[in-house]
Amino acid sequence: ELLDRPQRLQEIVSVATASTNVPMTVKLRVGHWDDKSKRNAHLLIPQVKGWGASAVTLHGRSRQQRYSRLADWEYIRHCSTVAARYDLPLVGNGDVLSYEDYNAHMEGGDLSTCMVARGALIKPWVFREIKEQRYWDISASERLDLLKDFCSYGLDHWGSDSLGVEKTRSFFLEWQAWLCRYIPVGVLEVTPPVMNHRNPGFVARNDLEQLMAGTQVMDWVKLSEMMLGPVPSGFNFVPKHRSSGKNAADTADAEG
């Protein structure tokens, strides 16, 4: 892994930055191994600027850890202090799912900003919440409008023939593996929501909201059919991403 091969990392960053006039950001993890004593991002960050990078984004997990625990923002803040000594902007990354998460991470450190990744897949309106500094209890019909836009953009890009429709459906269903994890703020018992907490099941406020919370693949297929029409005969879908816990291995089959 590159985190354990700093010379190779230097070669890649140096060549990449020398080949473009566009400012380049290098994204690092805290280290390759889960053992905290082996973390080395704070040692690499001072060197990155000399290699030509304009900023660093730091994901607060190790490669070995994956998503088994929450990101270590204490270490991210430590690294932001290190980066500030070298006048190098540092962007923190990991588990930002609300404006409260964003605010908490931006306090007491030298972070330039936060990167939002999985949080934007689960709750695309998280950026609006951060900008407006409030939770948005978005309705099921408003969420459906977002899904309609997604499908419209897909058809514009891939075409509205059968191949384009099914390509759009494929990406739509992969996205649902994340979207189904959203728990409406209006039914949350406590805030802020926590990234690693899975949907425990709840009584939705209407049928559409309940369907959107469905963790079975067939729930996602039904949503897709509302915008893209019936799935074709012999249709089969297996999620690539394991964001939906126990249902990750579910499949959807359709027979004509």
C-alpha atoms as a PDB file:
ATOM      1  CA  GLU A   1       0.000   0.000   0.000  1.00  0.00           C
ATOM      2  CA  LEU A   2       1.154   3.515  -0.814  1.00  0.00           C
ATOM      3  CA  LEU A   3       0.951   4.702   2.795  1.00  0.00           C
ATOM      4  CA  ASP A   4       3.727   2.235   3.602  1.00  0.00           C
ATOM      5  CA  ARG A   5       5.689   3.153   0.449  1.00  0.00           C
ATOM      6  CA  PRO A   6       6.323   6.891   0.778  1.00  0.00           C
ATOM      7  CA  GLN A   7       8.907   6.931  -2.010  1.00  0.00           C
ATOM      8  CA  ARG A   8       6.399   5.486  -4.470  1.00  0.00           C
ATOM      9  CA  LEU A   9       3.760   7.934  -3.206  1.00  0.00           C
ATOM     10  CA  GLN A  10       6.208  10.785  -3.771  1.00  0.00           C
ATOM     11  CA  GLU A  11       6.851   9.644  -7.326  1.00  0.00           C
ATOM     12  CA  ILE A  12       3.128   9.510  -8.142  1.00  0.00           C
ATOM     13  CA  VAL A  13       2.282  12.884  -6.591  1.00  0.00           C
ATOM     14  CA  SER A  14       5.333  14.606  -8.093  1.00  0.00           C
ATOM     15  CA  VAL A  15       4.608  13.354 -11.615  1.00  0.00           C
ATOM     16  CA  ALA A  16       0.881  14.095 -11.351  1.00  0.00           C
ATOM     17  CA  THR A  17       1.355  17.656 -10.101  1.00  0.00           C
ATOM     18  CA  ALA A  18       4.056  18.374 -12.685  1.00  0.00           C
ATOM     19  CA  SER A  19       1.747  17.321 -15.521  1.00  0.00           C
ATOM     20  CA  THR A  20      -1.005  19.845 -14.808  1.00  0.00           C
ATOM     21  CA  ASN A  21      -1.517  23.489 -13.947  1.00  0.00           C
ATOM     22  CA  VAL A  22      -4.597  22.623 -11.913  1.00  0.00           C
ATOM     23  CA  PRO A  23      -4.062  22.601  -8.120  1.00  0.00           C
ATOM     24  CA  MET A  24      -3.986  19.006  -6.902  1.00  0.00           C
ATOM     25  CA  THR A  25      -5.287  17.575  -3.652  1.00  0.00           C
ATOM     26  CA  VAL A  26      -3.833  14.371  -2.221  1.00  0.00           C
ATOM     27  CA  LYS A  27      -6.230  12.185  -0.256  1.00  0.00           C
ATOM     28  CA  LEU A  28      -4.751  10.048   2.509  1.00  0.00           C
ATOM     29  CA  ARG A  29      -5.994   7.693   5.175  1.00  0.00           C
ATOM     30  CA  VAL A  30      -4.600   7.887   8.714  1.00  0.00           C
ATOM     31  CA  GLY A  31      -2.446   4.886   7.848  1.00  0.00           C
ATOM     32  CA  HIS A  32      -2.654   1.402   6.411  1.00  0.00           C
ATOM     33  CA  TRP A  33      -2.833  -0.543   9.665  1.00  0.00           C
ATOM     34  CA  ASP A  34      -5.439  -0.340  12.413  1.00  0.00           C
ATOM     35  CA  ASP A  35      -2.727  -0.168  15.084  1.00  0.00           C
ATOM     36  CA  LYS A  36      -2.659   3.496  16.157  1.00  0.00           C
ATOM     37  CA  SER A  37       1.075   3.336  16.795  1.00  0.00           C
ATOM     38  CA  LYS A  38       1.574   2.692  13.063  1.00  0.00           C
ATOM     39  CA  ARG A  39      -0.341   5.721  11.827  1.00  0.00           C
ATOM     40  CA  ASN A  40       1.827   7.832   9.595  1.00  0.00           C
ATOM     41  CA  ALA A  41      -0.355  10.465   7.923  1.00  0.00           C
ATOM     42  CA  HIS A  42       1.048  13.151  10.238  1.00  0.00           C
ATOM     43  CA  LEU A  43       4.525  12.218   8.982  1.00  0.00           C
ATOM     44  CA  LEU A  44       3.570  12.281   5.306  1.00  0.00           C
ATOM     45  CA  ILE A  45       1.643  15.563   5.390  1.00  0.00           C
ATOM     46  CA  PRO A  46       4.745  17.799   5.824  1.00  0.00           C
ATOM     47  CA  GLN A  47       6.300  16.154   2.755  1.00  0.00           C
ATOM     48  CA  VAL A  48       3.261  16.383   0.487  1.00  0.00           C
ATOM     49  CA  LYS A  49       3.588  20.105  -0.125  1.00  0.00           C
ATOM     50  CA  GLY A  50       7.166  19.640  -1.285  1.00  0.00           C
ATOM     51  CA  TRP A  51       5.935  17.075  -3.773  1.00  0.00           C
ATOM     52  CA  GLY A  52       3.735  19.718  -5.385  1.00  0.00           C
ATOM     53  CA  ALA A  53       0.321  19.122  -3.787  1.00  0.00           C
ATOM     54  CA  SER A  54      -1.843  22.139  -2.982  1.00  0.00           C
ATOM     55  CA  ALA A  55      -3.915  20.522  -0.236  1.00  0.00           C
ATOM     56  CA  VAL A  56      -4.514  17.262   1.618  1.00  0.00           C
ATOM     57  CA  THR A  57      -7.791  15.484   2.349  1.00  0.00           C
ATOM     58  CA  LEU A  58      -7.529  13.114   5.295  1.00  0.00           C
ATOM     59  CA  HIS A  59      -9.954  10.235   5.782  1.00  0.00           C
ATOM     60  CA  GLY A  60     -10.037   9.438   9.480  1.00  0.00           C
ATOM     61  CA  ARG A  61      -9.768   5.659   9.096  1.00  0.00           C
ATOM     62  CA  SER A  62      -7.059   3.152   8.350  1.00  0.00           C
ATOM     63  CA  ARG A  63      -7.141   0.918   5.278  1.00  0.00           C
ATOM     64  CA  GLN A  64      -7.401  -2.139   7.518  1.00  0.00           C
ATOM     65  CA  GLN A  65     -10.210  -0.675   9.611  1.00  0.00           C
ATOM     66  CA  ARG A  66     -12.494   0.072   6.674  1.00  0.00           C
ATOM     67  CA  TYR A  67     -15.886   1.229   8.047  1.00  0.00           C
ATOM     68  CA  SER A  68     -15.958  -0.921  11.178  1.00  0.00           C
ATOM     69  CA  ARG A  69     -15.773   2.145  13.462  1.00  0.00           C
ATOM     70  CA  LEU A  70     -16.336   5.874  13.254  1.00  0.00           C
ATOM     71  CA  ALA A  71     -13.620   8.113  11.856  1.00  0.00           C
ATOM     72  CA  ASP A  72     -11.012   9.419  14.295  1.00  0.00           C
ATOM     73  CA  TRP A  73     -11.536  13.161  14.241  1.00  0.00           C
ATOM     74  CA  GLU A  74      -9.146  13.744  17.125  1.00  0.00           C
ATOM     75  CA  TYR A  75      -6.332  12.495  14.905  1.00  0.00           C
ATOM     76  CA  ILE A  76      -7.646  14.523  11.964  1.00  0.00           C
ATOM     77  CA  ARG A  77      -7.499  17.670  14.103  1.00  0.00           C
ATOM     78  CA  HIS A  78      -3.944  16.803  15.151  1.00  0.00           C
ATOM     79  CA  CYS A  79      -2.973  16.449  11.496  1.00  0.00           C
ATOM     80  CA  SER A  80      -4.655  19.765  10.662  1.00  0.00           C
ATOM     81  CA  THR A  81      -2.359  21.428  13.186  1.00  0.00           C
ATOM     82  CA  VAL A  82       0.629  19.772  11.537  1.00  0.00           C
ATOM     83  CA  ALA A  83      -0.534  20.889   8.084  1.00  0.00           C
ATOM     84  CA  ALA A  84      -1.056  24.465   9.288  1.00  0.00           C
ATOM     85  CA  ARG A  85       2.628  24.704  10.226  1.00  0.00           C
ATOM     86  CA  TYR A  86       3.439  24.188   6.557  1.00  0.00           C
ATOM     87  CA  ASP A  87       0.644  26.447   5.280  1.00  0.00           C
ATOM     88  CA  LEU A  88      -1.010  23.422   3.688  1.00  0.00           C
ATOM     89  CA  PRO A  89      -4.841  23.327   3.624  1.00  0.00           C
ATOM     90  CA  LEU A  90      -6.241  20.135   5.162  1.00  0.00           C
ATOM     91  CA  VAL A  91      -9.759  18.830   4.545  1.00  0.00           C
ATOM     92  CA  GLY A  92     -11.211  16.375   7.075  1.00  0.00           C
ATOM     93  CA  ASN A  93     -13.299  13.413   5.921  1.00  0.00           C
ATOM     94  CA  GLY A  94     -15.414  10.825   7.703  1.00  0.00           C
ATOM     95  CA  ASP A  95     -19.018  10.359   8.884  1.00  0.00           C
ATOM     96  CA  VAL A  96     -20.374  13.856   8.206  1.00  0.00           C
ATOM     97  CA  LEU A  97     -24.146  13.351   8.101  1.00  0.00           C
ATOM     98  CA  SER A  98     -25.477  16.635   9.490  1.00  0.00           C
ATOM     99  CA  TYR A  99     -24.680  20.287   9.964  1.00  0.00           C
ATOM    100  CA  GLU A 100     -24.004  19.501  13.623  1.00  0.00           C
ATOM    101  CA  ASP A 101     -21.289  17.033  12.586  1.00  0.00           C
ATOM    102  CA  TYR A 102     -19.792  19.676  10.319  1.00  0.00           C
ATOM    103  CA  ASN A 103     -19.838  22.351  13.013  1.00  0.00           C
ATOM    104  CA  ALA A 104     -18.315  20.064  15.631  1.00  0.00           C
ATOM    105  CA  HIS A 105     -15.451  19.062  13.340  1.00  0.00           C
ATOM    106  CA  MET A 106     -14.689  22.641  12.331  1.00  0.00           C
ATOM    107  CA  GLU A 107     -14.320  23.781  15.941  1.00  0.00           C
ATOM    108  CA  GLY A 108     -10.990  23.768  17.735  1.00  0.00           C
ATOM    109  CA  GLY A 109      -8.621  23.016  14.894  1.00  0.00           C
ATOM    110  CA  ASP A 110      -7.030  24.209  11.704  1.00  0.00           C
ATOM    111  CA  LEU A 111      -9.261  22.422   9.193  1.00  0.00           C
ATOM    112  CA  SER A 112      -9.997  24.227   5.958  1.00  0.00           C
ATOM    113  CA  THR A 113     -13.322  22.425   5.579  1.00  0.00           C
ATOM    114  CA  CYS A 114     -14.925  18.966   5.663  1.00  0.00           C
ATOM    115  CA  MET A 115     -15.451  16.521   2.821  1.00  0.00           C
ATOM    116  CA  VAL A 116     -18.832  14.795   2.666  1.00  0.00           C
ATOM    117  CA  ALA A 117     -18.910  11.357   1.045  1.00  0.00           C
ATOM    118  CA  ARG A 118     -21.293   8.612   2.219  1.00  0.00           C
ATOM    119  CA  GLY A 119     -23.405  11.249   3.941  1.00  0.00           C
ATOM    120  CA  ALA A 120     -24.230  12.745   0.553  1.00  0.00           C
ATOM    121  CA  LEU A 121     -25.337   9.339  -0.761  1.00  0.00           C
ATOM    122  CA  ILE A 122     -27.640   8.804   2.212  1.00  0.00           C
ATOM    123  CA  LYS A 123     -28.848  12.393   2.439  1.00  0.00           C
ATOM    124  CA  PRO A 124     -28.028  14.501  -0.646  1.00  0.00           C
ATOM    125  CA  TRP A 125     -29.586  17.584   0.966  1.00  0.00           C
ATOM    126  CA  VAL A 126     -26.933  17.550   3.737  1.00  0.00           C
ATOM    127  CA  PHE A 127     -25.194  20.443   1.947  1.00  0.00           C
ATOM    128  CA  ARG A 128     -28.331  22.558   2.177  1.00  0.00           C
ATOM    129  CA  GLU A 129     -28.563  21.745   5.886  1.00  0.00           C
ATOM    130  CA  ILE A 130     -24.936  22.811   6.404  1.00  0.00           C
ATOM    131  CA  LYS A 131     -25.477  26.045   4.488  1.00  0.00           C
ATOM    132  CA  GLU A 132     -28.702  26.906   6.302  1.00  0.00           C
ATOM    133  CA  GLN A 133     -27.578  25.500   9.676  1.00  0.00           C
ATOM    134  CA  ARG A 134     -30.761  23.539  10.257  1.00  0.00           C
ATOM    135  CA  TYR A 135     -32.275  20.111   9.743  1.00  0.00           C
ATOM    136  CA  TRP A 136     -34.606  19.776   6.791  1.00  0.00           C
ATOM    137  CA  ASP A 137     -37.509  17.445   7.426  1.00  0.00           C
ATOM    138  CA  ILE A 138     -37.842  16.751   3.720  1.00  0.00           C
ATOM    139  CA  SER A 139     -41.126  15.140   2.724  1.00  0.00           C
ATOM    140  CA  ALA A 140     -41.437  11.865   0.849  1.00  0.00           C
ATOM    141  CA  SER A 141     -42.860  13.694  -2.176  1.00  0.00           C
ATOM    142  CA  GLU A 142     -39.882  16.079  -2.212  1.00  0.00           C
ATOM    143  CA  ARG A 143     -37.538  13.107  -2.050  1.00  0.00           C
ATOM    144  CA  LEU A 144     -39.432  11.504  -4.914  1.00  0.00           C
ATOM    145  CA  ASP A 145     -38.809  14.640  -6.973  1.00  0.00           C
ATOM    146  CA  LEU A 146     -35.074  14.147  -6.403  1.00  0.00           C
ATOM    147  CA  LEU A 147     -35.354  10.562  -7.638  1.00  0.00           C
ATOM    148  CA  LYS A 148     -37.250  11.715 -10.712  1.00  0.00           C
ATOM    149  CA  ASP A 149     -34.498  14.231 -11.464  1.00  0.00           C
ATOM    150  CA  PHE A 150     -31.866  11.499 -11.051  1.00  0.00           C
ATOM    151  CA  CYS A 151     -33.644   9.269 -13.553  1.00  0.00           C
ATOM    152  CA  SER A 152     -34.145  12.158 -15.956  1.00  0.00           C
ATOM    153  CA  TYR A 153     -30.434  12.958 -15.893  1.00  0.00           C
ATOM    154  CA  GLY A 154     -29.638   9.292 -16.436  1.00  0.00           C
ATOM    155  CA  LEU A 155     -31.877   9.059 -19.473  1.00  0.00           C
ATOM    156  CA  ASP A 156     -30.418  12.266 -20.870  1.00  0.00           C
ATOM    157  CA  HIS A 157     -26.931  10.816 -20.504  1.00  0.00           C
ATOM    158  CA  TRP A 158     -27.418   7.172 -21.511  1.00  0.00           C
ATOM    159  CA  GLY A 159     -30.443   7.556 -23.755  1.00  0.00           C
ATOM    160  CA  SER A 160     -34.101   6.638 -23.362  1.00  0.00           C
ATOM    161  CA  ASP A 161     -33.914   3.357 -25.256  1.00  0.00           C
ATOM    162  CA  SER A 162     -34.026   0.056 -23.396  1.00  0.00           C
ATOM    163  CA  LEU A 163     -30.267   0.050 -22.804  1.00  0.00           C
ATOM    164  CA  GLY A 164     -30.343   3.575 -21.422  1.00  0.00           C
ATOM    165  CA  VAL A 165     -33.321   2.834 -19.196  1.00  0.00           C
ATOM    166  CA  GLU A 166     -31.680  -0.235 -17.668  1.00  0.00           C
ATOM    167  CA  LYS A 167     -28.348   1.546 -17.221  1.00  0.00           C
ATOM    168  CA  THR A 168     -30.156   4.303 -15.367  1.00  0.00           C
ATOM    169  CA  ARG A 169     -32.064   1.725 -13.328  1.00  0.00           C
ATOM    170  CA  SER A 170     -28.832  -0.015 -12.355  1.00  0.00           C
ATOM    171  CA  PHE A 171     -27.319   3.171 -10.931  1.00  0.00           C
ATOM    172  CA  PHE A 172     -30.659   4.077  -9.334  1.00  0.00           C
ATOM    173  CA  LEU A 173     -30.822   0.749  -7.491  1.00  0.00           C
ATOM    174  CA  GLU A 174     -27.225   1.025  -6.298  1.00  0.00           C
ATOM    175  CA  TRP A 175     -28.050   4.451  -4.896  1.00  0.00           C
ATOM    176  CA  GLN A 176     -31.099   3.057  -3.085  1.00  0.00           C
ATOM    177  CA  ALA A 177     -28.763   0.813  -1.079  1.00  0.00           C
ATOM    178  CA  TRP A 178     -27.627   4.059   0.540  1.00  0.00           C
ATOM    179  CA  LEU A 179     -30.797   6.150   0.442  1.00  0.00           C
ATOM    180  CA  CYS A 180     -32.787   3.535   2.355  1.00  0.00           C
ATOM    181  CA  ARG A 181     -30.591   4.219   5.376  1.00  0.00           C
ATOM    182  CA  TYR A 182     -32.027   7.721   5.773  1.00  0.00           C
ATOM    183  CA  ILE A 183     -34.293   8.124   8.793  1.00  0.00           C
ATOM    184  CA  PRO A 184     -36.544  11.193   8.469  1.00  0.00           C
ATOM    185  CA  VAL A 185     -35.552  13.797  11.015  1.00  0.00           C
ATOM    186  CA  GLY A 186     -39.221  14.119  11.961  1.00  0.00           C
ATOM    187  CA  VAL A 187     -39.216  10.603  13.418  1.00  0.00           C
ATOM    188  CA  LEU A 188     -35.708  10.600  14.922  1.00  0.00           C
ATOM    189  CA  GLU A 189     -35.639  10.164  18.681  1.00  0.00           C
ATOM    190  CA  VAL A 190     -32.336  12.026  19.026  1.00  0.00           C
ATOM    191  CA  THR A 191     -30.122  14.226  16.879  1.00  0.00           C
ATOM    192  CA  PRO A 192     -27.647  14.312  15.328  1.00  0.00           C
ATOM    193  CA  PRO A 193     -28.007  11.040  13.396  1.00  0.00           C
ATOM    194  CA  VAL A 194     -24.963   8.777  13.519  1.00  0.00           C
ATOM    195  CA  MET A 195     -23.471   7.378  10.314  1.00  0.00           C
ATOM    196  CA  ASN A 196     -22.838   3.857  11.609  1.00  0.00           C
ATOM    197  CA  HIS A 197     -26.329   3.440  13.059  1.00  0.00           C
ATOM    198  CA  ARG A 198     -28.434   1.305  10.760  1.00  0.00           C
ATOM    199  CA  ASN A 199     -32.115   1.885  10.142  1.00  0.00           C
ATOM    200  CA  PRO A 200     -33.809   0.092  13.072  1.00  0.00           C
ATOM    201  CA  GLY A 201     -37.202   0.180  11.391  1.00  0.00           C
ATOM    202  CA  PHE A 202     -39.795   2.820  12.126  1.00  0.00           C
ATOM    203  CA  VAL A 203     -43.415   3.691  11.426  1.00  0.00           C
ATOM    204  CA  ALA A 204     -43.365   6.090   8.514  1.00  0.00           C
ATOM    205  CA  ARG A 205     -45.768   8.965   8.127  1.00  0.00           C
ATOM    206  CA  ASN A 206     -47.137   7.721   4.792  1.00  0.00           C
ATOM    207  CA  ASP A 207     -46.843   4.789   2.409  1.00  0.00           C
ATOM    208  CA  LEU A 208     -44.269   6.446   0.145  1.00  0.00           C
ATOM    209  CA  GLU A 209     -41.984   7.254   3.063  1.00  0.00           C
ATOM    210  CA  GLN A 210     -42.318   3.650   4.220  1.00  0.00           C
ATOM    211  CA  LEU A 211     -41.379   2.350   0.770  1.00  0.00           C
ATOM    212  CA  MET A 212     -38.332   4.606   0.670  1.00  0.00           C
ATOM    213  CA  ALA A 213     -37.187   3.167   3.990  1.00  0.00           C
ATOM    214  CA  GLY A 214     -37.450  -0.382   2.666  1.00  0.00           C
ATOM    215  CA  THR A 215     -34.228  -2.379   2.936  1.00  0.00           C
ATOM    216  CA  GLN A 216     -35.248  -5.164   0.564  1.00  0.00           C
ATOM    217  CA  VAL A 217     -34.099  -4.993  -3.042  1.00  0.00           C
ATOM    218  CA  MET A 218     -37.649  -5.451  -4.278  1.00  0.00           C
ATOM    219  CA  ASP A 219     -38.581  -2.211  -2.480  1.00  0.00           C
ATOM    220  CA  TRP A 220     -35.950  -0.410  -4.519  1.00  0.00           C
ATOM    221  CA  VAL A 221     -37.127  -2.080  -7.721  1.00  0.00           C
ATOM    222  CA  LYS A 222     -40.669  -0.920  -7.039  1.00  0.00           C
ATOM    223  CA  LEU A 223     -39.431   2.651  -6.672  1.00  0.00           C
ATOM    224  CA  SER A 224     -37.522   2.373  -9.941  1.00  0.00           C
ATOM    225  CA  GLU A 225     -40.640   1.156 -11.733  1.00  0.00           C
ATOM    226  CA  MET A 226     -42.495   4.301 -10.657  1.00  0.00           C
ATOM    227  CA  MET A 227     -40.167   6.317 -12.926  1.00  0.00           C
ATOM    228  CA  LEU A 228     -38.603   3.883 -15.391  1.00  0.00           C
ATOM    229  CA  GLY A 229     -41.436   1.466 -16.004  1.00  0.00           C
ATOM    230  CA  PRO A 230     -41.574  -2.299 -15.381  1.00  0.00           C
ATOM    231  CA  VAL A 231     -38.311  -4.220 -15.208  1.00  0.00           C
ATOM    232  CA  PRO A 232     -37.708  -6.472 -18.227  1.00  0.00           C
ATOM    233  CA  SER A 233     -38.264 -10.200 -18.219  1.00  0.00           C
ATOM    234  CA  GLY A 234     -35.363 -12.025 -16.579  1.00  0.00           C
ATOM    235  CA  PHE A 235     -34.273  -8.929 -14.656  1.00  0.00           C
ATOM    236  CA  ASN A 236     -31.754  -9.598 -11.900  1.00  0.00           C
ATOM    237  CA  PHE A 237     -30.048  -7.187  -9.527  1.00  0.00           C
ATOM    238  CA  VAL A 238     -27.398  -7.862  -6.874  1.00  0.00           C
ATOM    239  CA  PRO A 239     -26.168  -4.830  -4.898  1.00  0.00           C
ATOM    240  CA  LYS A 240     -22.447  -4.146  -5.262  1.00  0.00           C
ATOM    241  CA  HIS A 241     -22.203  -2.123  -2.067  1.00  0.00           C
ATOM    242  CA  ARG A 242     -22.810  -3.542   1.394  1.00  0.00           C
ATOM    243  CA  SER A 243     -24.352  -0.453   2.894  1.00  0.00           C
ATOM    244  CA  SER A 244     -27.642  -2.120   3.718  1.00  0.00           C
ATOM    245  CA  GLY A 245     -26.307  -4.605   6.240  1.00  0.00           C
ATOM    246  CA  LYS A 246     -28.103  -7.932   6.337  1.00  0.00           C
ATOM    247  CA  ASN A 247     -29.748  -7.290   2.972  1.00  0.00           C
ATOM    248  CA  ALA A 248     -26.500  -6.831   1.101  1.00  0.00           C
ATOM    249  CA  ALA A 249     -26.755 -10.264  -0.475  1.00  0.00           C
ATOM    250  CA  ASP A 250     -30.393  -9.890  -1.478  1.00  0.00           C
ATOM    251  CA  THR A 251     -31.235 -10.116  -5.132  1.00  0.00           C
ATOM    252  CA  ALA A 252     -34.188  -9.126  -7.195  1.00  0.00           C
ATOM    253  CA  ASP A 253     -35.455 -11.361  -9.961  1.00  0.00           C
ATOM    254  CA  ALA A 254     -38.268 -10.779 -12.403  1.00  0.00           C
ATOM    255  CA  GLU A 255     -39.967 -13.350 -14.569  1.00  0.00           C
ATOM    256  CA  GLY A 256     -42.029 -12.444 -17.616  1.00  0.00           C
END
